[in-house]
Amino acid sequence: MLEDNIKKTEKKSGSPTQKQLEYLKRLATQTGEDLNKYDISTFDDASRTIEMLQKKIPPTEKQIAFAKKLAAEHNFDIPPEALQSKAGMSKWLERILGDEK
């Protein structure tokens, strides 16, 4: 029924979960960000802040080395967005590795 689909896609506007808050603290430590400058008062606000902070964490040296190896083997370039963040690199690697199967 349409109402059921709407309910499933509604955004959560309640308080952030304890897991979100703990993860936000870890991300803030990793990125050097001050969480006080962000509105994380709702579940949705916390989710948006998590996504934004994840984009500030650079890819690991292992990710970069693996990406370079794959790029050399398959003769293609690593996209700039993959080199900007750990999350971007993970997404790109997942796509590339999924294409190999």
N, C-alpha and C. Protein backbone atom coordinates (compact mmCIF):
# COMPACT_ATOMS: atom_id res chain seq x y z
N MET A 1 0.83 -1.17 0.00
CA MET A 1 0.00 0.00 0.00
C MET A 1 0.88 1.25 0.00
N LEU A 2 0.43 2.31 -0.60
CA LEU A 2 1.20 3.55 -0.73
C LEU A 2 1.59 4.12 0.62
N GLU A 3 0.68 4.09 1.59
CA GLU A 3 0.99 4.64 2.91
C GLU A 3 2.17 3.91 3.55
N ASP A 4 2.26 2.61 3.34
CA ASP A 4 3.36 1.82 3.90
C ASP A 4 4.69 2.27 3.29
N ASN A 5 4.71 2.50 1.98
CA ASN A 5 5.93 2.96 1.31
C ASN A 5 6.33 4.35 1.80
N ILE A 6 5.38 5.21 2.01
CA ILE A 6 5.68 6.55 2.48
C ILE A 6 6.29 6.48 3.87
N LYS A 7 5.71 5.67 4.74
CA LYS A 7 6.24 5.54 6.10
C LYS A 7 7.67 5.02 6.09
N LYS A 8 7.98 4.10 5.18
CA LYS A 8 9.33 3.53 5.11
C LYS A 8 10.36 4.56 4.67
N THR A 9 9.95 5.54 3.86
CA THR A 9 10.90 6.50 3.34
C THR A 9 10.92 7.81 4.12
N GLU A 10 10.06 7.93 5.13
CA GLU A 10 10.06 9.15 5.93
C GLU A 10 11.39 9.29 6.65
N LYS A 11 11.82 10.52 6.80
CA LYS A 11 13.06 10.79 7.51
C LYS A 11 12.80 10.68 9.01
N LYS A 12 13.84 10.27 9.71
CA LYS A 12 13.75 10.17 11.16
C LYS A 12 14.07 11.54 11.75
N SER A 13 13.14 12.08 12.50
CA SER A 13 13.38 13.40 13.05
C SER A 13 13.59 13.37 14.56
N GLY A 14 13.65 12.20 15.14
CA GLY A 14 13.88 12.10 16.58
C GLY A 14 15.31 12.40 16.94
N SER A 15 15.63 12.11 18.17
CA SER A 15 16.99 12.35 18.67
C SER A 15 18.00 11.45 18.00
N PRO A 16 19.26 11.88 17.93
CA PRO A 16 20.30 11.00 17.39
C PRO A 16 20.49 9.80 18.31
N THR A 17 20.92 8.71 17.73
CA THR A 17 21.15 7.51 18.53
C THR A 17 22.48 7.63 19.27
N GLN A 18 22.65 6.80 20.26
CA GLN A 18 23.91 6.78 21.01
C GLN A 18 25.06 6.40 20.08
N LYS A 19 24.81 5.46 19.17
CA LYS A 19 25.85 5.04 18.21
C LYS A 19 26.26 6.20 17.31
N GLN A 20 25.28 6.99 16.87
CA GLN A 20 25.61 8.15 16.05
C GLN A 20 26.50 9.13 16.82
N LEU A 21 26.13 9.40 18.05
CA LEU A 21 26.88 10.35 18.85
C LEU A 21 28.31 9.86 19.12
N GLU A 22 28.45 8.58 19.39
CA GLU A 22 29.79 8.01 19.62
C GLU A 22 30.62 8.09 18.34
N TYR A 23 29.99 7.76 17.21
CA TYR A 23 30.70 7.82 15.93
C TYR A 23 31.09 9.26 15.59
N LEU A 24 30.19 10.19 15.86
CA LEU A 24 30.50 11.60 15.62
C LEU A 24 31.70 12.05 16.43
N LYS A 25 31.80 11.60 17.66
CA LYS A 25 32.95 11.95 18.49
C LYS A 25 34.24 11.41 17.89
N ARG A 26 34.20 10.16 17.41
CA ARG A 26 35.39 9.58 16.78
C ARG A 26 35.76 10.34 15.51
N LEU A 27 34.76 10.66 14.69
CA LEU A 27 35.02 11.41 13.47
C LEU A 27 35.58 12.79 13.78
N ALA A 28 35.05 13.44 14.79
CA ALA A 28 35.55 14.76 15.17
C ALA A 28 37.02 14.69 15.59
N THR A 29 37.36 13.65 16.32
CA THR A 29 38.75 13.46 16.73
C THR A 29 39.64 13.24 15.51
N GLN A 30 39.19 12.40 14.58
CA GLN A 30 39.98 12.10 13.38
C GLN A 30 40.16 13.32 12.49
N THR A 31 39.14 14.15 12.41
CA THR A 31 39.20 15.28 11.49
C THR A 31 39.63 16.58 12.16
N GLY A 32 39.70 16.59 13.48
CA GLY A 32 40.04 17.80 14.20
C GLY A 32 38.91 18.82 14.23
N GLU A 33 37.70 18.37 13.97
CA GLU A 33 36.54 19.27 13.95
C GLU A 33 35.95 19.42 15.35
N ASP A 34 35.36 20.58 15.60
CA ASP A 34 34.66 20.85 16.85
C ASP A 34 33.17 20.57 16.61
N LEU A 35 32.63 19.57 17.28
CA LEU A 35 31.23 19.21 17.07
C LEU A 35 30.27 20.31 17.52
N ASN A 36 30.73 21.20 18.37
CA ASN A 36 29.86 22.27 18.86
C ASN A 36 29.40 23.21 17.74
N LYS A 37 30.11 23.22 16.63
CA LYS A 37 29.71 24.12 15.54
C LYS A 37 28.68 23.47 14.61
N TYR A 38 28.29 22.24 14.89
CA TYR A 38 27.31 21.54 14.07
C TYR A 38 26.03 21.29 14.85
N ASP A 39 24.92 21.34 14.13
CA ASP A 39 23.63 21.00 14.74
C ASP A 39 23.46 19.49 14.58
N ILE A 40 23.54 18.78 15.67
CA ILE A 40 23.36 17.33 15.65
C ILE A 40 22.22 16.94 16.60
N SER A 41 21.22 17.82 16.67
CA SER A 41 20.14 17.64 17.63
C SER A 41 19.11 16.59 17.20
N THR A 42 19.07 16.25 15.91
CA THR A 42 18.13 15.23 15.45
C THR A 42 18.89 14.10 14.76
N PHE A 43 18.20 13.01 14.55
CA PHE A 43 18.76 11.88 13.84
C PHE A 43 19.27 12.30 12.47
N ASP A 44 18.43 13.05 11.74
CA ASP A 44 18.80 13.49 10.39
C ASP A 44 19.99 14.44 10.39
N ASP A 45 20.01 15.37 11.35
CA ASP A 45 21.15 16.29 11.46
C ASP A 45 22.44 15.52 11.73
N ALA A 46 22.36 14.56 12.63
CA ALA A 46 23.54 13.75 12.96
C ALA A 46 24.00 12.97 11.73
N SER A 47 23.06 12.42 10.98
CA SER A 47 23.40 11.66 9.77
C SER A 47 24.10 12.54 8.75
N ARG A 48 23.59 13.75 8.54
CA ARG A 48 24.22 14.68 7.58
C ARG A 48 25.63 15.06 8.04
N THR A 49 25.78 15.28 9.33
CA THR A 49 27.09 15.64 9.85
C THR A 49 28.07 14.49 9.71
N ILE A 50 27.61 13.27 9.94
CA ILE A 50 28.45 12.09 9.75
C ILE A 50 28.94 12.02 8.31
N GLU A 51 28.03 12.17 7.37
CA GLU A 51 28.41 12.12 5.95
C GLU A 51 29.43 13.20 5.61
N MET A 52 29.22 14.40 6.13
CA MET A 52 30.12 15.50 5.84
C MET A 52 31.51 15.25 6.44
N LEU A 53 31.55 14.76 7.69
CA LEU A 53 32.84 14.51 8.33
C LEU A 53 33.57 13.34 7.69
N GLN A 54 32.83 12.34 7.23
CA GLN A 54 33.48 11.20 6.56
C GLN A 54 34.23 11.65 5.32
N LYS A 55 33.73 12.67 4.66
CA LYS A 55 34.37 13.18 3.45
C LYS A 55 35.67 13.92 3.74
N LYS A 56 35.91 14.23 5.01
CA LYS A 56 37.12 14.96 5.39
C LYS A 56 38.27 14.03 5.80
N ILE A 57 37.99 12.73 5.87
CA ILE A 57 39.03 11.77 6.24
C ILE A 57 39.71 11.29 4.97
N PRO A 58 41.01 11.50 4.83
CA PRO A 58 41.70 11.10 3.60
C PRO A 58 41.78 9.58 3.47
N PRO A 59 41.95 9.10 2.24
CA PRO A 59 42.11 7.66 2.05
C PRO A 59 43.40 7.18 2.73
N THR A 60 43.41 5.93 3.11
CA THR A 60 44.60 5.37 3.75
C THR A 60 45.68 5.10 2.70
N GLU A 61 46.90 4.96 3.17
CA GLU A 61 48.00 4.63 2.25
C GLU A 61 47.74 3.29 1.57
N LYS A 62 47.17 2.34 2.31
CA LYS A 62 46.86 1.03 1.72
C LYS A 62 45.82 1.15 0.63
N GLN A 63 44.80 1.97 0.86
CA GLN A 63 43.78 2.18 -0.17
C GLN A 63 44.40 2.78 -1.42
N ILE A 64 45.24 3.78 -1.24
CA ILE A 64 45.86 4.45 -2.38
C ILE A 64 46.76 3.48 -3.14
N ALA A 65 47.55 2.70 -2.42
CA ALA A 65 48.43 1.74 -3.07
C ALA A 65 47.63 0.71 -3.86
N PHE A 66 46.56 0.22 -3.26
CA PHE A 66 45.71 -0.77 -3.93
C PHE A 66 45.06 -0.15 -5.17
N ALA A 67 44.58 1.08 -5.04
CA ALA A 67 43.94 1.76 -6.17
C ALA A 67 44.93 1.96 -7.30
N LYS A 68 46.16 2.35 -6.97
CA LYS A 68 47.19 2.53 -8.00
C LYS A 68 47.50 1.22 -8.71
N LYS A 69 47.55 0.13 -7.95
CA LYS A 69 47.80 -1.18 -8.53
C LYS A 69 46.67 -1.55 -9.50
N LEU A 70 45.43 -1.37 -9.07
CA LEU A 70 44.29 -1.67 -9.94
C LEU A 70 44.29 -0.79 -11.18
N ALA A 71 44.58 0.48 -10.99
CA ALA A 71 44.59 1.41 -12.12
C ALA A 71 45.66 1.03 -13.14
N ALA A 72 46.82 0.63 -12.65
CA ALA A 72 47.90 0.22 -13.55
C ALA A 72 47.54 -1.07 -14.29
N GLU A 73 46.97 -2.03 -13.56
CA GLU A 73 46.59 -3.31 -14.17
C GLU A 73 45.52 -3.16 -15.24
N HIS A 74 44.59 -2.21 -15.02
CA HIS A 74 43.46 -2.07 -15.93
C HIS A 74 43.55 -0.84 -16.82
N ASN A 75 44.68 -0.12 -16.71
CA ASN A 75 44.94 1.03 -17.57
C ASN A 75 43.85 2.10 -17.50
N PHE A 76 43.55 2.54 -16.29
CA PHE A 76 42.64 3.66 -16.13
C PHE A 76 43.12 4.56 -14.99
N ASP A 77 42.56 5.76 -14.95
CA ASP A 77 42.94 6.75 -13.93
C ASP A 77 42.07 6.62 -12.70
N ILE A 78 42.63 7.00 -11.57
CA ILE A 78 41.87 7.07 -10.33
C ILE A 78 41.16 8.42 -10.32
N PRO A 79 39.85 8.44 -10.15
CA PRO A 79 39.15 9.72 -10.18
C PRO A 79 39.52 10.59 -8.97
N PRO A 80 39.52 11.90 -9.15
CA PRO A 80 39.91 12.81 -8.06
C PRO A 80 39.09 12.62 -6.79
N GLU A 81 37.79 12.35 -6.92
CA GLU A 81 36.95 12.19 -5.73
C GLU A 81 37.37 10.97 -4.90
N ALA A 82 37.98 9.97 -5.55
CA ALA A 82 38.47 8.81 -4.82
C ALA A 82 39.70 9.16 -3.99
N LEU A 83 40.47 10.13 -4.47
CA LEU A 83 41.67 10.54 -3.76
C LEU A 83 41.40 11.58 -2.67
N GLN A 84 40.19 12.09 -2.62
CA GLN A 84 39.86 13.13 -1.65
C GLN A 84 39.45 12.60 -0.29
N SER A 85 38.85 11.40 -0.24
CA SER A 85 38.39 10.90 1.05
C SER A 85 38.42 9.37 1.10
N LYS A 86 38.50 8.89 2.32
CA LYS A 86 38.47 7.45 2.55
C LYS A 86 37.15 6.87 2.06
N ALA A 87 36.05 7.58 2.33
CA ALA A 87 34.74 7.12 1.88
C ALA A 87 34.65 7.10 0.35
N GLY A 88 35.17 8.15 -0.29
CA GLY A 88 35.17 8.20 -1.75
C GLY A 88 36.00 7.09 -2.36
N MET A 89 37.14 6.81 -1.74
CA MET A 89 38.01 5.73 -2.22
C MET A 89 37.32 4.38 -2.05
N SER A 90 36.69 4.18 -0.91
CA SER A 90 35.99 2.91 -0.67
C SER A 90 34.89 2.69 -1.71
N LYS A 91 34.14 3.74 -1.98
CA LYS A 91 33.06 3.66 -2.96
C LYS A 91 33.61 3.30 -4.34
N TRP A 92 34.68 3.96 -4.73
CA TRP A 92 35.27 3.70 -6.03
C TRP A 92 35.83 2.28 -6.11
N LEU A 93 36.54 1.86 -5.07
CA LEU A 93 37.09 0.50 -5.07
C LEU A 93 35.99 -0.56 -5.13
N GLU A 94 34.92 -0.34 -4.40
CA GLU A 94 33.79 -1.27 -4.44
C GLU A 94 33.23 -1.38 -5.84
N ARG A 95 33.11 -0.24 -6.51
CA ARG A 95 32.58 -0.25 -7.88
C ARG A 95 33.53 -0.99 -8.83
N ILE A 96 34.83 -0.70 -8.70
CA ILE A 96 35.81 -1.34 -9.56
C ILE A 96 35.87 -2.85 -9.31
N LEU A 97 35.90 -3.23 -8.06
CA LEU A 97 35.98 -4.64 -7.73
C LEU A 97 34.70 -5.37 -8.10
N GLY A 98 33.58 -4.69 -8.03
CA GLY A 98 32.31 -5.29 -8.46
C GLY A 98 32.31 -5.53 -9.96
N ASP A 99 32.96 -4.65 -10.72
CA ASP A 99 33.05 -4.80 -12.18
C ASP A 99 33.93 -5.98 -12.57
N GLU A 100 34.86 -6.36 -11.69
CA GLU A 100 35.77 -7.45 -12.02
C GLU A 100 35.11 -8.82 -11.90
N LYS A 101 34.02 -8.89 -11.16
CA LYS A 101 33.36 -10.19 -10.92
C LYS A 101 32.60 -10.66 -12.12
